[in-house]
PDB file of N, CA and C in Angstrom:
ATOM      1  N   MET A   1      44.082   4.417   7.347  1.00  0.00           N
ATOM      2  CA  MET A   1      44.022   3.391   8.377  1.00  0.00           C
ATOM      3  C   MET A   1      43.173   3.845   9.554  1.00  0.00           C
ATOM      4  N   LYS A   2      42.518   4.975   9.388  1.00  0.00           N
ATOM      5  CA  LYS A   2      41.665   5.497  10.443  1.00  0.00           C
ATOM      6  C   LYS A   2      40.530   4.525  10.762  1.00  0.00           C
ATOM      7  N   TRP A   3      40.080   3.788   9.750  1.00  0.00           N
ATOM      8  CA  TRP A   3      38.957   2.879   9.922  1.00  0.00           C
ATOM      9  C   TRP A   3      39.293   1.718  10.849  1.00  0.00           C
ATOM     10  N   LEU A   4      40.564   1.405  11.046  1.00  0.00           N
ATOM     11  CA  LEU A   4      40.961   0.308  11.929  1.00  0.00           C
ATOM     12  C   LEU A   4      40.745   0.633  13.404  1.00  0.00           C
ATOM     13  N   ARG A   5      40.762   1.894  13.733  1.00  0.00           N
ATOM     14  CA  ARG A   5      40.630   2.289  15.133  1.00  0.00           C
ATOM     15  C   ARG A   5      39.226   2.124  15.669  1.00  0.00           C
ATOM     16  N   GLY A   6      38.244   2.040  14.786  1.00  0.00           N
ATOM     17  CA  GLY A   6      36.870   1.919  15.263  1.00  0.00           C
ATOM     18  C   GLY A   6      36.349   3.276  15.682  1.00  0.00           C
ATOM     19  N   GLY A   7      35.250   3.274  16.390  1.00  0.00           N
ATOM     20  CA  GLY A   7      34.707   4.547  16.847  1.00  0.00           C
ATOM     21  C   GLY A   7      33.197   4.544  16.819  1.00  0.00           C
ATOM     22  N   ASN A   8      32.667   5.715  16.865  1.00  0.00           N
ATOM     23  CA  ASN A   8      31.224   5.895  16.915  1.00  0.00           C
ATOM     24  C   ASN A   8      30.656   5.858  15.492  1.00  0.00           C
ATOM     25  N   ASP A   9      29.920   4.790  15.203  1.00  0.00           N
ATOM     26  CA  ASP A   9      29.358   4.631  13.859  1.00  0.00           C
ATOM     27  C   ASP A   9      28.347   5.715  13.509  1.00  0.00           C
ATOM     28  N   ARG A  10      27.563   6.128  14.495  1.00  0.00           N
ATOM     29  CA  ARG A  10      26.569   7.176  14.224  1.00  0.00           C
ATOM     30  C   ARG A  10      27.243   8.494  13.861  1.00  0.00           C
ATOM     31  N   GLN A  11      28.305   8.814  14.547  1.00  0.00           N
ATOM     32  CA  GLN A  11      29.022  10.049  14.256  1.00  0.00           C
ATOM     33  C   GLN A  11      29.676   9.972  12.875  1.00  0.00           C
ATOM     34  N   THR A  12      30.273   8.833  12.568  1.00  0.00           N
ATOM     35  CA  THR A  12      30.900   8.641  11.260  1.00  0.00           C
ATOM     36  C   THR A  12      29.866   8.761  10.149  1.00  0.00           C
ATOM     37  N   ALA A  13      28.715   8.135  10.358  1.00  0.00           N
ATOM     38  CA  ALA A  13      27.657   8.185   9.351  1.00  0.00           C
ATOM     39  C   ALA A  13      27.157   9.605   9.155  1.00  0.00           C
ATOM     40  N   SER A  14      27.021  10.347  10.247  1.00  0.00           N
ATOM     41  CA  SER A  14      26.483  11.708  10.125  1.00  0.00           C
ATOM     42  C   SER A  14      27.484  12.671   9.514  1.00  0.00           C
ATOM     43  N   THR A  15      28.764  12.403   9.625  1.00  0.00           N
ATOM     44  CA  THR A  15      29.752  13.321   9.042  1.00  0.00           C
ATOM     45  C   THR A  15      30.226  12.853   7.673  1.00  0.00           C
ATOM     46  N   THR A  16      30.639  11.613   7.569  1.00  0.00           N
ATOM     47  CA  THR A  16      31.210  11.097   6.327  1.00  0.00           C
ATOM     48  C   THR A  16      30.162  10.963   5.224  1.00  0.00           C
ATOM     49  N   TYR A  17      28.971  10.492   5.600  1.00  0.00           N
ATOM     50  CA  TYR A  17      27.948  10.197   4.595  1.00  0.00           C
ATOM     51  C   TYR A  17      26.817  11.211   4.576  1.00  0.00           C
ATOM     52  N   SER A  18      27.001  12.355   5.205  1.00  0.00           N
ATOM     53  CA  SER A  18      25.918  13.349   5.229  1.00  0.00           C
ATOM     54  C   SER A  18      25.645  13.845   3.810  1.00  0.00           C
ATOM     55  N   GLY A  19      24.375  13.990   3.513  1.00  0.00           N
ATOM     56  CA  GLY A  19      23.983  14.487   2.200  1.00  0.00           C
ATOM     57  C   GLY A  19      23.904  13.423   1.126  1.00  0.00           C
ATOM     58  N   GLN A  20      24.302  12.202   1.431  1.00  0.00           N
ATOM     59  CA  GLN A  20      24.228  11.122   0.439  1.00  0.00           C
ATOM     60  C   GLN A  20      22.908  10.371   0.593  1.00  0.00           C
ATOM     61  N   GLU A  21      22.411   9.880  -0.506  1.00  0.00           N
ATOM     62  CA  GLU A  21      21.173   9.127  -0.522  1.00  0.00           C
ATOM     63  C   GLU A  21      21.416   7.732   0.047  1.00  0.00           C
ATOM     64  N   SER A  22      20.526   7.301   0.941  1.00  0.00           N
ATOM     65  CA  SER A  22      20.685   5.967   1.512  1.00  0.00           C
ATOM     66  C   SER A  22      20.215   4.919   0.512  1.00  0.00           C
ATOM     67  N   ALA A  23      20.582   3.696   0.761  1.00  0.00           N
ATOM     68  CA  ALA A  23      20.173   2.603  -0.127  1.00  0.00           C
ATOM     69  C   ALA A  23      18.658   2.461  -0.123  1.00  0.00           C
ATOM     70  N   THR A  24      18.038   2.663   1.026  1.00  0.00           N
ATOM     71  CA  THR A  24      16.581   2.571   1.131  1.00  0.00           C
ATOM     72  C   THR A  24      15.913   3.670   0.309  1.00  0.00           C
ATOM     73  N   GLU A  25      16.436   4.889   0.424  1.00  0.00           N
ATOM     74  CA  GLU A  25      15.880   6.002  -0.356  1.00  0.00           C
ATOM     75  C   GLU A  25      16.072   5.779  -1.843  1.00  0.00           C
ATOM     76  N   ARG A  26      17.229   5.262  -2.227  1.00  0.00           N
ATOM     77  CA  ARG A  26      17.520   5.002  -3.636  1.00  0.00           C
ATOM     78  C   ARG A  26      16.556   3.952  -4.188  1.00  0.00           C
ATOM     79  N   LYS A  27      16.319   2.886  -3.420  1.00  0.00           N
ATOM     80  CA  LYS A  27      15.403   1.838  -3.862  1.00  0.00           C
ATOM     81  C   LYS A  27      13.989   2.386  -4.006  1.00  0.00           C
ATOM     82  N   ALA A  28      13.544   3.180  -3.044  1.00  0.00           N
ATOM     83  CA  ALA A  28      12.204   3.762  -3.106  1.00  0.00           C
ATOM     84  C   ALA A  28      12.071   4.671  -4.321  1.00  0.00           C
ATOM     85  N   ARG A  29      13.093   5.482  -4.586  1.00  0.00           N
ATOM     86  CA  ARG A  29      13.059   6.383  -5.745  1.00  0.00           C
ATOM     87  C   ARG A  29      12.960   5.600  -7.044  1.00  0.00           C
ATOM     88  N   LYS A  30      13.747   4.540  -7.150  1.00  0.00           N
ATOM     89  CA  LYS A  30      13.719   3.733  -8.378  1.00  0.00           C
ATOM     90  C   LYS A  30      12.381   3.024  -8.552  1.00  0.00           C
ATOM     91  N   GLU A  31      11.806   2.512  -7.457  1.00  0.00           N
ATOM     92  CA  GLU A  31      10.506   1.850  -7.543  1.00  0.00           C
ATOM     93  C   GLU A  31       9.417   2.830  -7.960  1.00  0.00           C
ATOM     94  N   GLN A  32       9.467   4.052  -7.424  1.00  0.00           N
ATOM     95  CA  GLN A  32       8.488   5.064  -7.799  1.00  0.00           C
ATOM     96  C   GLN A  32       8.611   5.427  -9.274  1.00  0.00           C
ATOM     97  N   ALA A  33       9.829   5.536  -9.757  1.00  0.00           N
ATOM     98  CA  ALA A  33      10.041   5.846 -11.172  1.00  0.00           C
ATOM     99  C   ALA A  33       9.507   4.719 -12.053  1.00  0.00           C
ATOM    100  N   LYS A  34       9.743   3.491 -11.628  1.00  0.00           N
ATOM    101  CA  LYS A  34       9.263   2.331 -12.380  1.00  0.00           C
ATOM    102  C   LYS A  34       7.733   2.304 -12.406  1.00  0.00           C
ATOM    103  N   THR A  35       7.115   2.622 -11.276  1.00  0.00           N
ATOM    104  CA  THR A  35       5.653   2.649 -11.199  1.00  0.00           C
ATOM    105  C   THR A  35       5.086   3.733 -12.101  1.00  0.00           C
ATOM    106  N   ARG A  36       5.707   4.918 -12.082  1.00  0.00           N
ATOM    107  CA  ARG A  36       5.241   6.001 -12.958  1.00  0.00           C
ATOM    108  C   ARG A  36       5.355   5.608 -14.424  1.00  0.00           C
ATOM    109  N   LYS A  37       6.436   4.936 -14.780  1.00  0.00           N
ATOM    110  CA  LYS A  37       6.644   4.529 -16.171  1.00  0.00           C
ATOM    111  C   LYS A  37       5.579   3.515 -16.598  1.00  0.00           C
ATOM    112  N   ARG A  38       5.314   2.532 -15.724  1.00  0.00           N
ATOM    113  CA  ARG A  38       4.299   1.522 -16.039  1.00  0.00           C
ATOM    114  C   ARG A  38       2.915   2.154 -16.172  1.00  0.00           C
ATOM    115  N   ARG A  39       2.607   3.090 -15.274  1.00  0.00           N
ATOM    116  CA  ARG A  39       1.309   3.750 -15.313  1.00  0.00           C
ATOM    117  C   ARG A  39       1.167   4.545 -16.606  1.00  0.00           C
ATOM    118  N   ALA A  40       2.225   5.227 -17.011  1.00  0.00           N
ATOM    119  CA  ALA A  40       2.191   6.012 -18.252  1.00  0.00           C
ATOM    120  C   ALA A  40       1.995   5.095 -19.461  1.00  0.00           C
ATOM    121  N   GLN A  41       2.645   3.940 -19.443  1.00  0.00           N
ATOM    122  CA  GLN A  41       2.485   2.992 -20.553  1.00  0.00           C
ATOM    123  C   GLN A  41       1.047   2.481 -20.604  1.00  0.00           C
ATOM    124  N   GLY A  42       0.461   2.241 -19.441  1.00  0.00           N
ATOM    125  CA  GLY A  42      -0.922   1.773 -19.386  1.00  0.00           C
ATOM    126  C   GLY A  42      -1.882   2.806 -19.934  1.00  0.00           C
ATOM    127  N   VAL A  43      -1.638   4.061 -19.607  1.00  0.00           N
ATOM    128  CA  VAL A  43      -2.487   5.144 -20.102  1.00  0.00           C
ATOM    129  C   VAL A  43      -2.379   5.241 -21.622  1.00  0.00           C
ATOM    130  N   ALA A  44      -1.171   5.133 -22.134  1.00  0.00           N
ATOM    131  CA  ALA A  44      -0.969   5.208 -23.584  1.00  0.00           C
ATOM    132  C   ALA A  44      -1.665   4.039 -24.288  1.00  0.00           C
ATOM    133  N   GLU A  45      -1.568   2.859 -23.720  1.00  0.00           N
ATOM    134  CA  GLU A  45      -2.235   1.686 -24.313  1.00  0.00           C
ATOM    135  C   GLU A  45      -3.746   1.859 -24.307  1.00  0.00           C
ATOM    136  N   ALA A  46      -4.285   2.366 -23.211  1.00  0.00           N
ATOM    137  CA  ALA A  46      -5.726   2.584 -23.122  1.00  0.00           C
ATOM    138  C   ALA A  46      -6.174   3.633 -24.142  1.00  0.00           C
ATOM    139  N   ALA A  47      -5.378   4.664 -24.321  1.00  0.00           N
ATOM    140  CA  ALA A  47      -5.715   5.703 -25.293  1.00  0.00           C
ATOM    141  C   ALA A  47      -5.723   5.135 -26.711  1.00  0.00           C
ATOM    142  N   ARG A  48      -4.731   4.320 -27.023  1.00  0.00           N
ATOM    143  CA  ARG A  48      -4.688   3.702 -28.356  1.00  0.00           C
ATOM    144  C   ARG A  48      -5.889   2.781 -28.571  1.00  0.00           C
ATOM    145  N   ALA A  49      -6.222   2.004 -27.566  1.00  0.00           N
ATOM    146  CA  ALA A  49      -7.363   1.091 -27.688  1.00  0.00           C
ATOM    147  C   ALA A  49      -8.656   1.886 -27.866  1.00  0.00           C
ATOM    148  N   GLY A  50      -8.807   2.960 -27.108  1.00  0.00           N
ATOM    149  CA  GLY A  50      -9.998   3.794 -27.231  1.00  0.00           C
ATOM    150  C   GLY A  50     -10.097   4.442 -28.595  1.00  0.00           C
ATOM    151  N   GLU A  51      -8.988   4.894 -29.107  1.00  0.00           N
ATOM    152  CA  GLU A  51      -8.980   5.510 -30.432  1.00  0.00           C
ATOM    153  C   GLU A  51      -9.309   4.481 -31.511  1.00  0.00           C
ATOM    154  N   ALA A  52      -8.766   3.280 -31.371  1.00  0.00           N
ATOM    155  CA  ALA A  52      -9.057   2.221 -32.342  1.00  0.00           C
ATOM    156  C   ALA A  52     -10.547   1.882 -32.319  1.00  0.00           C
ATOM    157  N   TRP A  53     -11.121   1.828 -31.114  1.00  0.00           N
ATOM    158  CA  TRP A  53     -12.545   1.542 -31.000  1.00  0.00           C
ATOM    159  C   TRP A  53     -13.352   2.655 -31.668  1.00  0.00           C
ATOM    160  N   GLU A  54     -12.948   3.899 -31.420  1.00  0.00           N
ATOM    161  CA  GLU A  54     -13.662   5.039 -31.991  1.00  0.00           C
ATOM    162  C   GLU A  54     -13.610   5.015 -33.514  1.00  0.00           C
ATOM    163  N   VAL A  55     -12.455   4.727 -34.070  1.00  0.00           N
ATOM    164  CA  VAL A  55     -12.308   4.649 -35.525  1.00  0.00           C
ATOM    165  C   VAL A  55     -13.189   3.535 -36.088  1.00  0.00           C
ATOM    166  N   GLU A  56     -13.161   2.401 -35.431  1.00  0.00           N
ATOM    167  CA  GLU A  56     -13.980   1.266 -35.878  1.00  0.00           C
ATOM    168  C   GLU A  56     -15.468   1.589 -35.777  1.00  0.00           C
ATOM    169  N   GLU A  57     -15.859   2.246 -34.703  1.00  0.00           N
ATOM    170  CA  GLU A  57     -17.265   2.621 -34.515  1.00  0.00           C
ATOM    171  C   GLU A  57     -17.710   3.605 -35.590  1.00  0.00           C
ATOM    172  N   ARG A  58     -16.860   4.581 -35.909  1.00  0.00           N
ATOM    173  CA  ARG A  58     -17.178   5.516 -36.991  1.00  0.00           C
ATOM    174  C   ARG A  58     -17.341   4.801 -38.315  1.00  0.00           C
ATOM    175  N   ARG A  59     -16.453   3.819 -38.572  1.00  0.00           N
ATOM    176  CA  ARG A  59     -16.509   3.064 -39.816  1.00  0.00           C
ATOM    177  C   ARG A  59     -17.830   2.275 -39.898  1.00  0.00           C
ATOM    178  N   ARG A  60     -18.250   1.699 -38.778  1.00  0.00           N
ATOM    179  CA  ARG A  60     -19.485   0.904 -38.766  1.00  0.00           C
ATOM    180  C   ARG A  60     -20.727   1.760 -38.974  1.00  0.00           C
ATOM    181  N   THR A  61     -20.739   2.957 -38.434  1.00  0.00           N
ATOM    182  CA  THR A  61     -21.948   3.793 -38.502  1.00  0.00           C
ATOM    183  C   THR A  61     -22.084   4.549 -39.809  1.00  0.00           C
ATOM    184  N   ARG A  62     -21.085   4.535 -40.643  1.00  0.00           N
ATOM    185  CA  ARG A  62     -21.182   5.248 -41.919  1.00  0.00           C
ATOM    186  C   ARG A  62     -21.870   4.452 -42.943  1.00  0.00           C
TER     187      ARG A  62
END
């Protein structure tokens, strides 16, 4: 029932929640992970397309 008394929110945040990731930090981390995943997928797709082109080009020149 300590929460009913009120008090200094900044002090509570610095003691009770110290060391925990904020919602803003969590969102940024997840967005960065999503961006890295999309970029990696794009690189893989480009590599496959390039390899397919190379195989086709070799087939044509033989």
